[in-house]
Amino acid sequence: LSNYLIQTSPNKELKVVIAFDCRHNSQKFAKIVAD
């Protein structure tokens, strides 16, 4: 997804927002995705 965003908007300051639910590992996975 990062590669696609960079390719489709090459000269833009890209921004994403990440949320997560109550499930096991959701918060840990969210941080990995943010990383």
All heavy atoms as atom14 arrays in JSON, in Angstrom:
{
  "sequence": "LSNYLIQTSPNKELKVVIAFDCRHNSQKFAKIVAD",
  "atom14_mask": [
    [1, 1, 1, 1, 1, 1, 1, 1, 0, 0, 0, 0, 0, 0],
    [1, 1, 1, 1, 1, 1, 0, 0, 0, 0, 0, 0, 0, 0],
    [1, 1, 1, 1, 1, 1, 1, 1, 0, 0, 0, 0, 0, 0],
    [1, 1, 1, 1, 1, 1, 1, 1, 1, 1, 1, 1, 0, 0],
    [1, 1, 1, 1, 1, 1, 1, 1, 0, 0, 0, 0, 0, 0],
    [1, 1, 1, 1, 1, 1, 1, 1, 0, 0, 0, 0, 0, 0],
    [1, 1, 1, 1, 1, 1, 1, 1, 1, 0, 0, 0, 0, 0],
    [1, 1, 1, 1, 1, 1, 1, 0, 0, 0, 0, 0, 0, 0],
    [1, 1, 1, 1, 1, 1, 0, 0, 0, 0, 0, 0, 0, 0],
    [1, 1, 1, 1, 1, 1, 1, 0, 0, 0, 0, 0, 0, 0],
    [1, 1, 1, 1, 1, 1, 1, 1, 0, 0, 0, 0, 0, 0],
    [1, 1, 1, 1, 1, 1, 1, 1, 1, 0, 0, 0, 0, 0],
    [1, 1, 1, 1, 1, 1, 1, 1, 1, 0, 0, 0, 0, 0],
    [1, 1, 1, 1, 1, 1, 1, 1, 0, 0, 0, 0, 0, 0],
    [1, 1, 1, 1, 1, 1, 1, 1, 1, 0, 0, 0, 0, 0],
    [1, 1, 1, 1, 1, 1, 1, 0, 0, 0, 0, 0, 0, 0],
    [1, 1, 1, 1, 1, 1, 1, 0, 0, 0, 0, 0, 0, 0],
    [1, 1, 1, 1, 1, 1, 1, 1, 0, 0, 0, 0, 0, 0],
    [1, 1, 1, 1, 1, 0, 0, 0, 0, 0, 0, 0, 0, 0],
    [1, 1, 1, 1, 1, 1, 1, 1, 1, 1, 1, 0, 0, 0],
    [1, 1, 1, 1, 1, 1, 1, 1, 0, 0, 0, 0, 0, 0],
    [1, 1, 1, 1, 1, 1, 0, 0, 0, 0, 0, 0, 0, 0],
    [1, 1, 1, 1, 1, 1, 1, 1, 1, 1, 1, 0, 0, 0],
    [1, 1, 1, 1, 1, 1, 1, 1, 1, 1, 0, 0, 0, 0],
    [1, 1, 1, 1, 1, 1, 1, 1, 0, 0, 0, 0, 0, 0],
    [1, 1, 1, 1, 1, 1, 0, 0, 0, 0, 0, 0, 0, 0],
    [1, 1, 1, 1, 1, 1, 1, 1, 1, 0, 0, 0, 0, 0],
    [1, 1, 1, 1, 1, 1, 1, 1, 1, 0, 0, 0, 0, 0],
    [1, 1, 1, 1, 1, 1, 1, 1, 1, 1, 1, 0, 0, 0],
    [1, 1, 1, 1, 1, 0, 0, 0, 0, 0, 0, 0, 0, 0],
    [1, 1, 1, 1, 1, 1, 1, 1, 1, 0, 0, 0, 0, 0],
    [1, 1, 1, 1, 1, 1, 1, 1, 0, 0, 0, 0, 0, 0],
    [1, 1, 1, 1, 1, 1, 1, 0, 0, 0, 0, 0, 0, 0],
    [1, 1, 1, 1, 1, 0, 0, 0, 0, 0, 0, 0, 0, 0],
    [1, 1, 1, 1, 1, 1, 1, 1, 0, 0, 0, 0, 0, 0]
  ],
  "atom14_positions": [
    [[0.84, -1.21, 0.0], [0.0, 0.0, 0.0], [0.87, 1.26, 0.0], [0.58, 2.22, -0.72], [-0.93, -0.02, 1.21], [-1.82, 1.21, 1.43], [-2.68, 1.51, 0.2], [-2.72, 1.02, 2.66], [0.0, 0.0, 0.0], [0.0, 0.0, 0.0], [0.0, 0.0, 0.0], [0.0, 0.0, 0.0], [0.0, 0.0, 0.0], [0.0, 0.0, 0.0]],
    [[1.94, 1.24, 0.8], [2.87, 2.38, 0.82], [3.45, 2.63, -0.57], [3.49, 3.78, -1.05], [4.01, 2.12, 1.81], [3.53, 1.98, 3.12], [0.0, 0.0, 0.0], [0.0, 0.0, 0.0], [0.0, 0.0, 0.0], [0.0, 0.0, 0.0], [0.0, 0.0, 0.0], [0.0, 0.0, 0.0], [0.0, 0.0, 0.0], [0.0, 0.0, 0.0]],
    [[3.89, 1.56, -1.22], [4.46, 1.7, -2.57], [3.44, 2.27, -3.55], [3.77, 3.11, -4.39], [4.95, 0.33, -3.08], [6.16, -0.17, -2.31], [6.74, 0.53, -1.5], [6.54, -1.41, -2.56], [0.0, 0.0, 0.0], [0.0, 0.0, 0.0], [0.0, 0.0, 0.0], [0.0, 0.0, 0.0], [0.0, 0.0, 0.0], [0.0, 0.0, 0.0]],
    [[2.18, 1.83, -3.41], [1.12, 2.31, -4.31], [0.83, 3.79, -4.06], [0.68, 4.57, -5.01], [-0.14, 1.47, -4.13], [-1.27, 1.86, -5.06], [-1.18, 1.62, -6.43], [-2.42, 2.48, -4.57], [-2.21, 1.98, -7.28], [-3.45, 2.84, -5.41], [-3.34, 2.59, -6.77], [-4.37, 2.97, -7.61], [0.0, 0.0, 0.0], [0.0, 0.0, 0.0]],
    [[0.75, 4.18, -2.79], [0.49, 5.59, -2.45], [1.61, 6.49, -2.98], [1.35, 7.55, -3.57], [0.37, 5.76, -0.94], [-0.93, 5.25, -0.29], [-0.77, 5.18, 1.23], [-2.1, 6.15, -0.65], [0.0, 0.0, 0.0], [0.0, 0.0, 0.0], [0.0, 0.0, 0.0], [0.0, 0.0, 0.0], [0.0, 0.0, 0.0], [0.0, 0.0, 0.0]],
    [[2.84, 6.05, -2.79], [3.99, 6.85, -3.25], [4.01, 6.95, -4.77], [4.28, 8.0, -5.35], [5.31, 6.24, -2.71], [5.38, 6.43, -1.18], [6.53, 6.85, -3.39], [6.4, 5.54, -0.49], [0.0, 0.0, 0.0], [0.0, 0.0, 0.0], [0.0, 0.0, 0.0], [0.0, 0.0, 0.0], [0.0, 0.0, 0.0], [0.0, 0.0, 0.0]],
    [[3.65, 5.85, -5.44], [3.64, 5.84, -6.91], [2.54, 6.73, -7.47], [2.74, 7.46, -8.45], [3.43, 4.41, -7.42], [3.39, 4.29, -8.95], [2.92, 2.92, -9.41], [3.46, 1.91, -8.97], [1.92, 2.88, -10.28], [0.0, 0.0, 0.0], [0.0, 0.0, 0.0], [0.0, 0.0, 0.0], [0.0, 0.0, 0.0], [0.0, 0.0, 0.0]],
    [[1.35, 6.69, -6.85], [0.21, 7.44, -7.38], [0.23, 8.92, -6.97], [-0.41, 9.74, -7.62], [-1.12, 6.8, -6.96], [-1.13, 6.63, -5.53], [-1.32, 5.45, -7.63], [0.0, 0.0, 0.0], [0.0, 0.0, 0.0], [0.0, 0.0, 0.0], [0.0, 0.0, 0.0], [0.0, 0.0, 0.0], [0.0, 0.0, 0.0], [0.0, 0.0, 0.0]],
    [[0.95, 9.25, -5.9], [1.05, 10.65, -5.46], [2.51, 10.96, -5.13], [2.88, 11.18, -3.97], [0.18, 10.89, -4.23], [-1.16, 10.55, -4.48], [0.0, 0.0, 0.0], [0.0, 0.0, 0.0], [0.0, 0.0, 0.0], [0.0, 0.0, 0.0], [0.0, 0.0, 0.0], [0.0, 0.0, 0.0], [0.0, 0.0, 0.0], [0.0, 0.0, 0.0]],
    [[3.36, 11.01, -6.17], [4.81, 11.06, -5.95], [5.31, 12.34, -5.28], [6.33, 12.32, -4.61], [5.4, 10.91, -7.36], [4.3, 11.32, -8.28], [3.03, 10.93, -7.6], [0.0, 0.0, 0.0], [0.0, 0.0, 0.0], [0.0, 0.0, 0.0], [0.0, 0.0, 0.0], [0.0, 0.0, 0.0], [0.0, 0.0, 0.0], [0.0, 0.0, 0.0]],
    [[4.6, 13.45, -5.44], [5.1, 14.72, -4.92], [4.25, 15.25, -3.77], [4.21, 16.45, -3.52], [5.17, 15.76, -6.04], [6.08, 15.31, -7.16], [7.21, 14.89, -6.91], [5.59, 15.35, -8.39], [0.0, 0.0, 0.0], [0.0, 0.0, 0.0], [0.0, 0.0, 0.0], [0.0, 0.0, 0.0], [0.0, 0.0, 0.0], [0.0, 0.0, 0.0]],
    [[3.56, 14.35, -3.09], [2.64, 14.77, -2.03], [3.15, 14.3, -0.67], [3.75, 13.23, -0.56], [1.25, 14.15, -2.31], [0.17, 14.67, -1.4], [-1.17, 14.03, -1.75], [-2.24, 14.57, -0.82], [-3.5, 13.83, -0.92], [0.0, 0.0, 0.0], [0.0, 0.0, 0.0], [0.0, 0.0, 0.0], [0.0, 0.0, 0.0], [0.0, 0.0, 0.0]],
    [[2.87, 15.11, 0.35], [3.15, 14.67, 1.72], [2.02, 13.74, 2.14], [0.91, 14.19, 2.44], [3.23, 15.87, 2.67], [3.67, 15.47, 4.08], [3.59, 16.63, 5.07], [3.59, 17.79, 4.64], [3.5, 16.34, 6.28], [0.0, 0.0, 0.0], [0.0, 0.0, 0.0], [0.0, 0.0, 0.0], [0.0, 0.0, 0.0], [0.0, 0.0, 0.0]],
    [[2.27, 12.47, 2.12], [1.22, 11.47, 2.33], [0.9, 11.31, 3.82], [1.79, 11.37, 4.68], [1.66, 10.12, 1.75], [1.81, 10.09, 0.23], [2.59, 8.86, -0.2], [0.44, 10.12, -0.45], [0.0, 0.0, 0.0], [0.0, 0.0, 0.0], [0.0, 0.0, 0.0], [0.0, 0.0, 0.0], [0.0, 0.0, 0.0], [0.0, 0.0, 0.0]],
    [[-0.41, 11.07, 4.1], [-0.87, 10.9, 5.48], [-1.83, 9.73, 5.56], [-2.69, 9.58, 4.68], [-1.57, 12.17, 5.98], [-0.68, 13.39, 6.07], [-1.43, 14.59, 6.64], [-2.41, 15.15, 5.65], [-3.04, 16.4, 6.12], [0.0, 0.0, 0.0], [0.0, 0.0, 0.0], [0.0, 0.0, 0.0], [0.0, 0.0, 0.0], [0.0, 0.0, 0.0]],
    [[-1.71, 8.93, 6.61], [-2.65, 7.85, 6.87], [-3.07, 7.89, 8.33], [-2.36, 8.44, 9.17], [-2.07, 6.45, 6.54], [-1.67, 6.33, 5.09], [-0.89, 6.13, 7.45], [0.0, 0.0, 0.0], [0.0, 0.0, 0.0], [0.0, 0.0, 0.0], [0.0, 0.0, 0.0], [0.0, 0.0, 0.0], [0.0, 0.0, 0.0], [0.0, 0.0, 0.0]],
    [[-4.24, 7.33, 8.62], [-4.7, 7.23, 10.0], [-5.0, 5.77, 10.3], [-5.51, 5.04, 9.44], [-5.93, 8.13, 10.26], [-7.08, 7.83, 9.31], [-6.39, 8.05, 11.71], [0.0, 0.0, 0.0], [0.0, 0.0, 0.0], [0.0, 0.0, 0.0], [0.0, 0.0, 0.0], [0.0, 0.0, 0.0], [0.0, 0.0, 0.0], [0.0, 0.0, 0.0]],
    [[-4.66, 5.33, 11.51], [-4.79, 3.91, 11.88], [-5.58, 3.78, 13.18], [-5.31, 4.48, 14.16], [-3.4, 3.26, 12.08], [-2.56, 3.36, 10.8], [-3.54, 1.79, 12.49], [-1.11, 2.96, 10.99], [0.0, 0.0, 0.0], [0.0, 0.0, 0.0], [0.0, 0.0, 0.0], [0.0, 0.0, 0.0], [0.0, 0.0, 0.0], [0.0, 0.0, 0.0]],
    [[-6.57, 2.88, 13.16], [-7.34, 2.55, 14.37], [-7.28, 1.05, 14.58], [-6.89, 0.29, 13.69], [-8.78, 3.02, 14.23], [0.0, 0.0, 0.0], [0.0, 0.0, 0.0], [0.0, 0.0, 0.0], [0.0, 0.0, 0.0], [0.0, 0.0, 0.0], [0.0, 0.0, 0.0], [0.0, 0.0, 0.0], [0.0, 0.0, 0.0], [0.0, 0.0, 0.0]],
    [[-7.71, 0.62, 15.77], [-7.72, -0.81, 16.07], [-8.81, -1.11, 17.09], [-9.28, -0.23, 17.8], [-6.35, -1.28, 16.58], [-5.84, -0.53, 17.78], [-6.11, -0.98, 19.07], [-5.1, 0.63, 17.63], [-5.64, -0.28, 20.18], [-4.62, 1.33, 18.73], [-4.9, 0.87, 20.01], [0.0, 0.0, 0.0], [0.0, 0.0, 0.0], [0.0, 0.0, 0.0]],
    [[-9.22, -2.4, 17.13], [-10.32, -2.8, 18.01], [-9.8, -3.48, 19.28], [-8.62, -3.36, 19.64], [-11.33, -3.66, 17.25], [-10.8, -5.05, 16.9], [-9.65, -5.38, 17.27], [-11.54, -5.83, 16.25], [0.0, 0.0, 0.0], [0.0, 0.0, 0.0], [0.0, 0.0, 0.0], [0.0, 0.0, 0.0], [0.0, 0.0, 0.0], [0.0, 0.0, 0.0]],
    [[-10.68, -4.26, 19.91], [-10.4, -4.86, 21.22], [-9.73, -6.23, 21.13], [-9.46, -6.87, 22.14], [-11.71, -5.02, 21.99], [-12.92, -6.04, 21.09], [0.0, 0.0, 0.0], [0.0, 0.0, 0.0], [0.0, 0.0, 0.0], [0.0, 0.0, 0.0], [0.0, 0.0, 0.0], [0.0, 0.0, 0.0], [0.0, 0.0, 0.0], [0.0, 0.0, 0.0]],
    [[-9.43, -6.69, 19.92], [-8.96, -8.07, 19.75], [-7.53, -8.27, 20.23], [-6.75, -7.32, 20.32], [-9.07, -8.48, 18.28], [-10.49, -8.66, 17.85], [-10.65, -9.06, 16.41], [-12.06, -9.4, 16.25], [-12.57, -10.59, 16.48], [-11.78, -11.59, 16.82], [-13.86, -10.8, 16.36], [0.0, 0.0, 0.0], [0.0, 0.0, 0.0], [0.0, 0.0, 0.0]],
    [[-7.22, -9.55, 20.46], [-5.84, -9.9, 20.81], [-4.91, -9.41, 19.71], [-5.17, -9.63, 18.52], [-5.69, -11.41, 20.98], [-6.53, -11.97, 22.09], [-6.42, -11.54, 23.39], [-7.51, -12.91, 22.09], [-7.28, -12.2, 24.15], [-7.96, -13.03, 23.38], [0.0, 0.0, 0.0], [0.0, 0.0, 0.0], [0.0, 0.0, 0.0], [0.0, 0.0, 0.0]],
    [[-3.84, -8.77, 20.1], [-2.78, -8.29, 19.19], [-3.16, -7.09, 18.33], [-2.31, -6.59, 17.57], [-2.28, -9.42, 18.27], [-1.73, -10.6, 19.03], [-0.95, -10.43, 19.96], [-2.15, -11.8, 18.68], [0.0, 0.0, 0.0], [0.0, 0.0, 0.0], [0.0, 0.0, 0.0], [0.0, 0.0, 0.0], [0.0, 0.0, 0.0], [0.0, 0.0, 0.0]],
    [[-4.39, -6.59, 18.42], [-4.78, -5.48, 17.54], [-3.89, -4.26, 17.74], [-3.45, -3.63, 16.77], [-6.25, -5.1, 17.76], [-7.11, -6.02, 17.15], [0.0, 0.0, 0.0], [0.0, 0.0, 0.0], [0.0, 0.0, 0.0], [0.0, 0.0, 0.0], [0.0, 0.0, 0.0], [0.0, 0.0, 0.0], [0.0, 0.0, 0.0], [0.0, 0.0, 0.0]],
    [[-3.65, -3.91, 19.01], [-2.82, -2.73, 19.26], [-1.39, -2.96, 18.79], [-0.78, -2.07, 18.18], [-2.84, -2.38, 20.75], [-2.12, -1.08, 21.07], [-2.47, -0.51, 22.43], [-3.1, -1.17, 23.25], [-2.08, 0.73, 22.67], [0.0, 0.0, 0.0], [0.0, 0.0, 0.0], [0.0, 0.0, 0.0], [0.0, 0.0, 0.0], [0.0, 0.0, 0.0]],
    [[-0.86, -4.14, 19.03], [0.5, -4.48, 18.59], [0.58, -4.43, 17.06], [1.52, -3.86, 16.49], [0.88, -5.87, 19.1], [2.3, -6.31, 18.72], [2.63, -7.69, 19.26], [2.1, -8.78, 18.34], [2.56, -10.14, 18.75], [0.0, 0.0, 0.0], [0.0, 0.0, 0.0], [0.0, 0.0, 0.0], [0.0, 0.0, 0.0], [0.0, 0.0, 0.0]],
    [[-0.42, -5.02, 16.39], [-0.44, -5.01, 14.92], [-0.54, -3.58, 14.39], [0.09, -3.23, 13.39], [-1.6, -5.85, 14.4], [-1.42, -7.34, 14.54], [-2.53, -8.18, 14.61], [-0.16, -7.92, 14.59], [-2.4, -9.56, 14.73], [-0.01, -9.31, 14.7], [-1.13, -10.13, 14.77], [0.0, 0.0, 0.0], [0.0, 0.0, 0.0], [0.0, 0.0, 0.0]],
    [[-1.35, -2.74, 15.05], [-1.52, -1.36, 14.61], [-0.19, -0.61, 14.64], [0.13, 0.16, 13.73], [-2.55, -0.65, 15.48], [0.0, 0.0, 0.0], [0.0, 0.0, 0.0], [0.0, 0.0, 0.0], [0.0, 0.0, 0.0], [0.0, 0.0, 0.0], [0.0, 0.0, 0.0], [0.0, 0.0, 0.0], [0.0, 0.0, 0.0], [0.0, 0.0, 0.0]],
    [[0.6, -0.87, 15.67], [1.91, -0.2, 15.78], [2.86, -0.72, 14.7], [3.63, 0.06, 14.1], [2.51, -0.43, 17.17], [3.87, 0.22, 17.39], [3.83, 1.74, 17.19], [5.11, 2.45, 17.67], [6.27, 2.22, 16.83], [0.0, 0.0, 0.0], [0.0, 0.0, 0.0], [0.0, 0.0, 0.0], [0.0, 0.0, 0.0], [0.0, 0.0, 0.0]],
    [[2.81, -2.02, 14.41], [3.64, -2.57, 13.32], [3.29, -1.9, 12.0], [4.17, -1.5, 11.22], [3.47, -4.1, 13.23], [4.14, -4.78, 14.44], [4.06, -4.65, 11.93], [3.77, -6.25, 14.61], [0.0, 0.0, 0.0], [0.0, 0.0, 0.0], [0.0, 0.0, 0.0], [0.0, 0.0, 0.0], [0.0, 0.0, 0.0], [0.0, 0.0, 0.0]],
    [[2.0, -1.77, 11.73], [1.53, -1.13, 10.5], [1.99, 0.33, 10.45], [2.46, 0.82, 9.42], [-0.01, -1.24, 10.39], [-0.55, -0.38, 9.26], [-0.43, -2.7, 10.18], [0.0, 0.0, 0.0], [0.0, 0.0, 0.0], [0.0, 0.0, 0.0], [0.0, 0.0, 0.0], [0.0, 0.0, 0.0], [0.0, 0.0, 0.0], [0.0, 0.0, 0.0]],
    [[1.87, 1.02, 11.6], [2.34, 2.41, 11.68], [3.84, 2.5, 11.42], [4.32, 3.41, 10.71], [2.01, 2.99, 13.06], [0.0, 0.0, 0.0], [0.0, 0.0, 0.0], [0.0, 0.0, 0.0], [0.0, 0.0, 0.0], [0.0, 0.0, 0.0], [0.0, 0.0, 0.0], [0.0, 0.0, 0.0], [0.0, 0.0, 0.0], [0.0, 0.0, 0.0]],
    [[4.59, 1.56, 11.96], [6.04, 1.52, 11.74], [6.38, 1.43, 10.26], [7.27, 2.14, 9.76], [6.67, 0.33, 12.48], [6.66, 0.5, 14.0], [6.38, 1.62, 14.48], [6.93, -0.51, 14.7], [0.0, 0.0, 0.0], [0.0, 0.0, 0.0], [0.0, 0.0, 0.0], [0.0, 0.0, 0.0], [0.0, 0.0, 0.0], [0.0, 0.0, 0.0]]
  ]
}
